Amino acid sequence: MKNENHVRRRSKRIERLCLGPYSAWAVLFIVVPLIFVAYYAFTDNSFHFTTANITRFFTATSKVTDDSGAAKEVHTYLLIFGRSLKLAVISTILCLLMGYPAAYIISRSSARTQKIMITLIMIPMWMNFLIRTYAWMTILQDTGIFNSFLGLLRLRPVHIIGTESAVVIGMVYDYFPYMILPIYSVMAKMDIKLLEAARDLGCNGFGVLRRVIWPLSLPGVISGVNMVLIPSISTFYISQKLGNGKFYLIGDAIEGQYTANNLHFAAAIAFILMVVLLVAMAFMQRGANKKAVA
């Protein structure tokens, strides 16, 4: 018994030593920057405490012109945030609708086929993010590949599919692997006997999916949603390039304030975005836990 306790204590010490470098890295590059963001968000240029930056996000207004030419006053940053959230949710849903069946097909394939398909999914990720975005700019421009299929319409594809759609396409393309991989990693470990047992008990294909596959794969789904939603809602380069520089998202607002040296307000926007995302992630995780218990 004493030997077993000694081995356990030694094993725990080794685990703590192994976790030491990661813990130091996490504190230095995650916790400390977040503290600085919060500090800048609640201070002014003289580094005195203030909530003016947070208040400005919710109260700042500007005038915009609608399609009819009428001018109206809107809450600037709330409008931008709503637009960013809408496109991020659409992109995440599209990634999930395409990625879930793809992950299931890959997980049920042979080992060799799995390696090939995962490699094909990962190949675009080997290229720089900027290069991938520029590639879509080329496809959607007047001289792009997509334009060659439009014949004599003489219109930019981005005018046909819409600026928002072009931005969504860029988001889906760039973040699609982040949806597939977490779901695939969970499904690949799924016991096939559970599926066979469900069929033996009278479940049809949809019943197996609803009662067995979906609940067991939910942790992977939650991870995939987080990995797609977070970068999608905070992106700025995709909207700048595929939105013709006229499509403003919350990431563009943060970058614009940072470029203008308004560091405290930029930090306030980032802080609000971070809080919203953390709350959303907590609700999703809570829902997943309740589903797993049920």
Protein backbone atom coordinates (compact mmCIF):
# COMPACT_ATOMS: atom_id res chain seq x y z
CA MET A 1 0.00 0.00 0.00
CA LYS A 2 2.81 2.39 0.86
CA ASN A 3 4.52 1.63 -2.44
CA GLU A 4 1.29 2.32 -4.32
CA ASN A 5 0.82 5.68 -2.55
CA HIS A 6 4.43 6.58 -3.27
CA VAL A 7 3.99 5.73 -6.95
CA ARG A 8 0.81 7.83 -7.13
CA ARG A 9 2.44 10.85 -5.48
CA ARG A 10 5.41 10.53 -7.80
CA SER A 11 3.11 10.27 -10.80
CA LYS A 12 1.24 13.43 -9.74
CA ARG A 13 4.53 15.31 -9.31
CA ILE A 14 5.60 14.26 -12.81
CA GLU A 15 2.23 15.40 -14.21
CA ARG A 16 2.59 18.79 -12.52
CA LEU A 17 6.11 19.15 -13.89
CA CYS A 18 4.89 18.29 -17.39
CA LEU A 19 2.06 20.81 -17.10
CA GLY A 20 4.45 23.50 -15.86
CA PRO A 21 5.58 24.79 -19.30
CA TYR A 22 2.02 24.88 -20.63
CA SER A 23 0.75 26.64 -17.49
CA ALA A 24 3.51 29.26 -17.78
CA TRP A 25 2.73 29.74 -21.47
CA ALA A 26 -1.02 30.08 -20.76
CA VAL A 27 -0.46 32.65 -18.02
CA LEU A 28 2.00 34.67 -20.08
CA PHE A 29 0.17 34.70 -23.41
CA ILE A 30 -3.49 34.31 -22.39
CA VAL A 31 -4.13 35.52 -18.85
CA VAL A 32 -1.77 38.50 -18.85
CA PRO A 33 -3.02 39.93 -22.21
CA LEU A 34 -6.63 39.57 -21.02
CA ILE A 35 -5.79 41.49 -17.86
CA PHE A 36 -4.23 44.27 -19.96
CA VAL A 37 -7.32 44.37 -22.21
CA ALA A 38 -9.59 44.75 -19.18
CA TYR A 39 -7.27 47.38 -17.67
CA TYR A 40 -7.25 49.49 -20.84
CA ALA A 41 -11.01 49.07 -21.29
CA PHE A 42 -11.75 50.64 -17.91
CA THR A 43 -9.22 53.47 -18.02
CA ASP A 44 -8.84 56.69 -19.99
CA ASN A 45 -5.76 58.12 -21.68
CA SER A 46 -4.46 59.21 -18.27
CA PHE A 47 -5.05 55.67 -16.96
CA HIS A 48 -7.75 56.82 -14.56
CA PHE A 49 -10.66 54.48 -13.94
CA THR A 50 -13.70 55.16 -16.15
CA THR A 51 -16.64 53.36 -17.72
CA ALA A 52 -16.92 55.89 -20.55
CA ASN A 53 -15.40 53.48 -23.07
CA ILE A 54 -17.95 50.77 -22.27
CA THR A 55 -20.79 53.29 -22.30
CA ARG A 56 -19.66 54.68 -25.64
CA PHE A 57 -20.04 51.26 -27.25
CA PHE A 58 -23.73 51.12 -26.35
CA THR A 59 -24.63 54.79 -26.83
CA ALA A 60 -22.60 56.03 -29.83
CA THR A 61 -24.86 56.89 -32.77
CA SER A 62 -24.40 57.80 -36.40
CA LYS A 63 -26.57 58.52 -39.43
CA VAL A 64 -26.87 56.00 -42.25
CA THR A 65 -28.73 56.08 -45.54
CA ASP A 66 -31.04 53.18 -46.36
CA ASP A 67 -31.90 51.82 -49.81
CA SER A 68 -34.62 54.41 -50.28
CA GLY A 69 -32.17 57.25 -49.68
CA ALA A 70 -33.65 58.23 -46.31
CA ALA A 71 -31.23 59.00 -43.50
CA LYS A 72 -31.79 57.48 -40.10
CA GLU A 73 -29.90 57.43 -36.82
CA VAL A 74 -28.59 54.11 -35.55
CA HIS A 75 -26.47 52.87 -32.66
CA THR A 76 -23.18 52.51 -34.52
CA TYR A 77 -21.39 49.75 -32.68
CA LEU A 78 -24.51 47.79 -31.78
CA LEU A 79 -25.38 47.73 -35.48
CA ILE A 80 -21.88 46.55 -36.37
CA PHE A 81 -21.94 43.91 -33.64
CA GLY A 82 -25.35 42.65 -34.77
CA ARG A 83 -24.11 42.35 -38.34
CA SER A 84 -20.99 40.51 -37.20
CA LEU A 85 -23.01 38.13 -35.04
CA LYS A 86 -25.46 37.41 -37.85
CA LEU A 87 -22.76 36.52 -40.38
CA ALA A 88 -20.81 34.50 -37.80
CA VAL A 89 -23.91 32.47 -36.89
CA ILE A 90 -24.73 31.86 -40.56
CA SER A 91 -21.16 30.75 -41.25
CA THR A 92 -21.17 28.46 -38.20
CA ILE A 93 -24.49 26.87 -39.18
CA LEU A 94 -23.27 26.25 -42.73
CA CYS A 95 -20.04 24.72 -41.43
CA LEU A 96 -22.01 22.48 -39.08
CA LEU A 97 -24.49 21.37 -41.75
CA MET A 98 -21.65 20.42 -44.10
CA GLY A 99 -19.10 19.34 -41.52
CA TYR A 100 -21.23 16.98 -39.42
CA PRO A 101 -22.09 14.49 -42.19
CA ALA A 102 -18.56 14.83 -43.59
CA ALA A 103 -17.07 13.99 -40.18
CA TYR A 104 -19.39 11.00 -39.83
CA ILE A 105 -18.50 9.66 -43.28
CA ILE A 106 -14.79 10.04 -42.57
CA SER A 107 -15.05 8.38 -39.15
CA ARG A 108 -16.82 5.33 -40.63
CA SER A 109 -14.29 4.92 -43.46
CA SER A 110 -11.25 2.68 -43.42
CA ALA A 111 -8.08 3.86 -41.70
CA ARG A 112 -6.33 4.56 -45.00
CA THR A 113 -9.30 6.50 -46.38
CA GLN A 114 -9.53 8.52 -43.17
CA LYS A 115 -5.90 9.62 -43.49
CA ILE A 116 -6.41 10.65 -47.11
CA MET A 117 -9.60 12.61 -46.46
CA ILE A 118 -8.22 14.36 -43.38
CA THR A 119 -5.12 15.31 -45.39
CA LEU A 120 -7.30 16.75 -48.17
CA ILE A 121 -9.23 18.81 -45.61
CA MET A 122 -6.01 20.07 -44.02
CA ILE A 123 -4.19 20.95 -47.25
CA PRO A 124 -5.78 24.45 -47.56
CA MET A 125 -4.72 25.14 -43.98
CA TRP A 126 -1.09 24.68 -45.00
CA MET A 127 -1.37 27.93 -46.94
CA ASN A 128 -1.23 31.30 -45.28
CA PHE A 129 -4.58 32.79 -44.25
CA LEU A 130 -3.93 35.90 -46.35
CA ILE A 131 -3.19 33.83 -49.45
CA ARG A 132 -6.44 31.89 -49.06
CA THR A 133 -8.41 35.13 -48.76
CA TYR A 134 -6.66 36.64 -51.78
CA ALA A 135 -7.53 33.47 -53.71
CA TRP A 136 -11.22 34.09 -53.10
CA MET A 137 -10.76 37.72 -54.12
CA THR A 138 -9.39 36.47 -57.41
CA ILE A 139 -12.26 34.02 -57.87
CA LEU A 140 -14.92 36.65 -57.17
CA GLN A 141 -13.41 39.54 -59.15
CA ASP A 142 -14.10 40.56 -62.75
CA THR A 143 -11.21 38.49 -64.03
CA GLY A 144 -11.80 35.59 -61.66
CA ILE A 145 -12.52 31.96 -62.43
CA PHE A 146 -16.13 32.24 -61.29
CA ASN A 147 -16.67 35.14 -63.64
CA SER A 148 -15.81 32.96 -66.66
CA PHE A 149 -18.96 30.93 -66.01
CA LEU A 150 -21.18 34.01 -66.12
CA GLY A 151 -20.86 34.45 -69.85
CA LEU A 152 -21.76 37.86 -71.14
CA LEU A 153 -23.49 39.17 -68.00
CA ARG A 154 -20.59 41.57 -67.42
CA LEU A 155 -21.29 41.75 -63.71
CA ARG A 156 -19.00 41.07 -60.81
CA PRO A 157 -19.93 37.84 -59.04
CA VAL A 158 -19.87 39.71 -55.74
CA HIS A 159 -22.71 41.88 -57.09
CA ILE A 160 -24.72 38.78 -57.94
CA ILE A 161 -24.25 36.79 -54.76
CA GLY A 162 -24.10 39.89 -52.56
CA THR A 163 -21.35 41.31 -50.39
CA GLU A 164 -22.58 39.52 -47.28
CA SER A 165 -22.64 36.21 -49.12
CA ALA A 166 -19.09 36.74 -50.34
CA VAL A 167 -17.92 37.37 -46.76
CA VAL A 168 -19.80 34.27 -45.53
CA ILE A 169 -18.16 32.17 -48.26
CA GLY A 170 -14.75 33.38 -47.12
CA MET A 171 -15.54 32.56 -43.48
CA VAL A 172 -16.85 29.09 -44.29
CA TYR A 173 -13.87 28.29 -46.47
CA ASP A 174 -11.31 29.46 -43.93
CA TYR A 175 -12.89 27.93 -40.81
CA PHE A 176 -14.56 24.78 -42.19
CA PRO A 177 -11.75 22.42 -41.07
CA TYR A 178 -12.13 23.70 -37.51
CA MET A 179 -15.67 22.30 -37.51
CA ILE A 180 -14.86 18.92 -39.03
CA LEU A 181 -11.82 17.96 -36.96
CA PRO A 182 -13.33 18.16 -33.43
CA ILE A 183 -16.46 16.27 -34.52
CA TYR A 184 -14.39 13.67 -36.36
CA SER A 185 -12.12 13.14 -33.36
CA VAL A 186 -15.17 12.31 -31.20
CA MET A 187 -16.94 10.17 -33.79
CA ALA A 188 -13.80 8.18 -34.56
CA LYS A 189 -13.76 6.99 -30.93
CA MET A 190 -17.46 6.12 -30.94
CA ASP A 191 -18.15 2.44 -30.19
CA ILE A 192 -19.79 0.91 -33.26
CA LYS A 193 -21.50 -1.63 -30.99
CA LEU A 194 -23.71 1.14 -29.61
CA LEU A 195 -25.03 1.85 -33.10
CA GLU A 196 -25.62 -1.85 -33.73
CA ALA A 197 -27.43 -2.17 -30.38
CA ALA A 198 -29.70 0.76 -31.24
CA ARG A 199 -30.64 -0.85 -34.55
CA ASP A 200 -31.27 -4.19 -32.84
CA LEU A 201 -33.62 -2.41 -30.44
CA GLY A 202 -35.72 -1.11 -33.33
CA CYS A 203 -34.22 2.33 -34.15
CA ASN A 204 -34.21 3.35 -37.77
CA GLY A 205 -31.42 5.45 -39.28
CA PHE A 206 -32.85 8.74 -38.01
CA GLY A 207 -33.48 7.24 -34.57
CA VAL A 208 -29.86 6.08 -34.30
CA LEU A 209 -28.71 9.55 -35.28
CA ARG A 210 -31.00 11.32 -32.80
CA ARG A 211 -30.67 8.97 -29.84
CA VAL A 212 -27.07 7.74 -30.11
CA ILE A 213 -24.80 9.52 -32.58
CA TRP A 214 -25.87 13.11 -31.87
CA PRO A 215 -25.69 12.93 -28.02
CA LEU A 216 -22.30 11.17 -28.13
CA SER A 217 -20.89 13.62 -30.67
CA LEU A 218 -22.18 16.73 -28.86
CA PRO A 219 -18.83 17.55 -27.18
CA GLY A 220 -17.21 17.64 -30.61
CA VAL A 221 -20.04 19.78 -31.97
CA ILE A 222 -19.68 22.29 -29.12
CA SER A 223 -15.91 22.47 -29.71
CA GLY A 224 -16.41 22.92 -33.46
CA VAL A 225 -19.03 25.64 -32.98
CA ASN A 226 -16.73 27.53 -30.62
CA MET A 227 -13.76 27.18 -32.96
CA VAL A 228 -15.76 28.56 -35.91
CA LEU A 229 -17.99 31.13 -34.20
CA ILE A 230 -15.24 32.94 -32.27
CA PRO A 231 -12.88 33.70 -35.20
CA SER A 232 -15.84 34.37 -37.51
CA ILE A 233 -17.36 37.04 -35.28
CA SER A 234 -14.01 38.76 -34.68
CA THR A 235 -12.54 38.55 -38.17
CA PHE A 236 -11.65 41.71 -40.06
CA TYR A 237 -9.39 40.75 -42.95
CA ILE A 238 -12.04 38.68 -44.75
CA SER A 239 -14.59 41.50 -44.59
CA GLN A 240 -12.02 44.04 -45.81
CA LYS A 241 -11.00 42.04 -48.86
CA LEU A 242 -14.21 40.25 -49.86
CA GLY A 243 -16.42 43.16 -48.79
CA ASN A 244 -14.65 45.64 -51.09
CA GLY A 245 -13.51 47.63 -48.06
CA LYS A 246 -17.08 48.86 -47.46
CA PHE A 247 -18.31 46.08 -45.19
CA TYR A 248 -17.67 46.89 -41.54
CA LEU A 249 -17.60 44.17 -38.88
CA ILE A 250 -16.72 44.34 -35.19
CA GLY A 251 -13.17 43.20 -35.95
CA ASP A 252 -12.82 46.11 -38.35
CA ALA A 253 -14.05 48.46 -35.61
CA ILE A 254 -11.39 47.20 -33.20
CA GLU A 255 -8.66 47.44 -35.85
CA GLY A 256 -9.81 50.93 -36.84
CA GLN A 257 -9.69 52.20 -33.28
CA TYR A 258 -6.29 50.60 -32.74
CA THR A 259 -4.93 52.14 -35.95
CA ALA A 260 -6.26 55.55 -34.83
CA ASN A 261 -4.39 55.04 -31.53
CA ASN A 262 -7.65 54.89 -29.55
CA LEU A 263 -6.30 51.96 -27.57
CA HIS A 264 -8.67 52.28 -24.63
CA PHE A 265 -11.84 52.22 -26.73
CA ALA A 266 -10.43 49.40 -28.88
CA ALA A 267 -9.81 47.44 -25.69
CA ALA A 268 -13.36 48.20 -24.51
CA ILE A 269 -14.85 46.77 -27.72
CA ALA A 270 -12.63 43.71 -27.43
CA PHE A 271 -13.57 43.29 -23.77
CA ILE A 272 -17.31 43.44 -24.52
CA LEU A 273 -16.89 40.96 -27.36
CA MET A 274 -14.93 38.64 -25.09
CA VAL A 275 -17.61 38.75 -22.38
CA VAL A 276 -20.39 38.04 -24.88
CA LEU A 277 -18.50 35.08 -26.32
CA LEU A 278 -17.70 33.67 -22.87
CA VAL A 279 -21.36 33.90 -21.85
CA ALA A 280 -22.45 32.23 -25.11
CA MET A 281 -19.90 29.45 -24.64
CA ALA A 282 -21.05 28.91 -21.05
CA PHE A 283 -24.69 28.58 -22.15
CA MET A 284 -23.77 26.14 -24.92
CA GLN A 285 -21.69 24.04 -22.54
CA ARG A 286 -24.48 24.05 -19.98
CA GLY A 287 -26.97 22.93 -22.62
CA ALA A 288 -24.61 20.18 -23.77
CA ASN A 289 -24.18 18.94 -20.19
CA LYS A 290 -27.95 18.84 -19.64
CA LYS A 291 -28.36 16.94 -22.90
CA ALA A 292 -25.69 14.44 -21.88
CA VAL A 293 -27.34 13.86 -18.49
CA ALA A 294 -30.75 13.42 -20.11
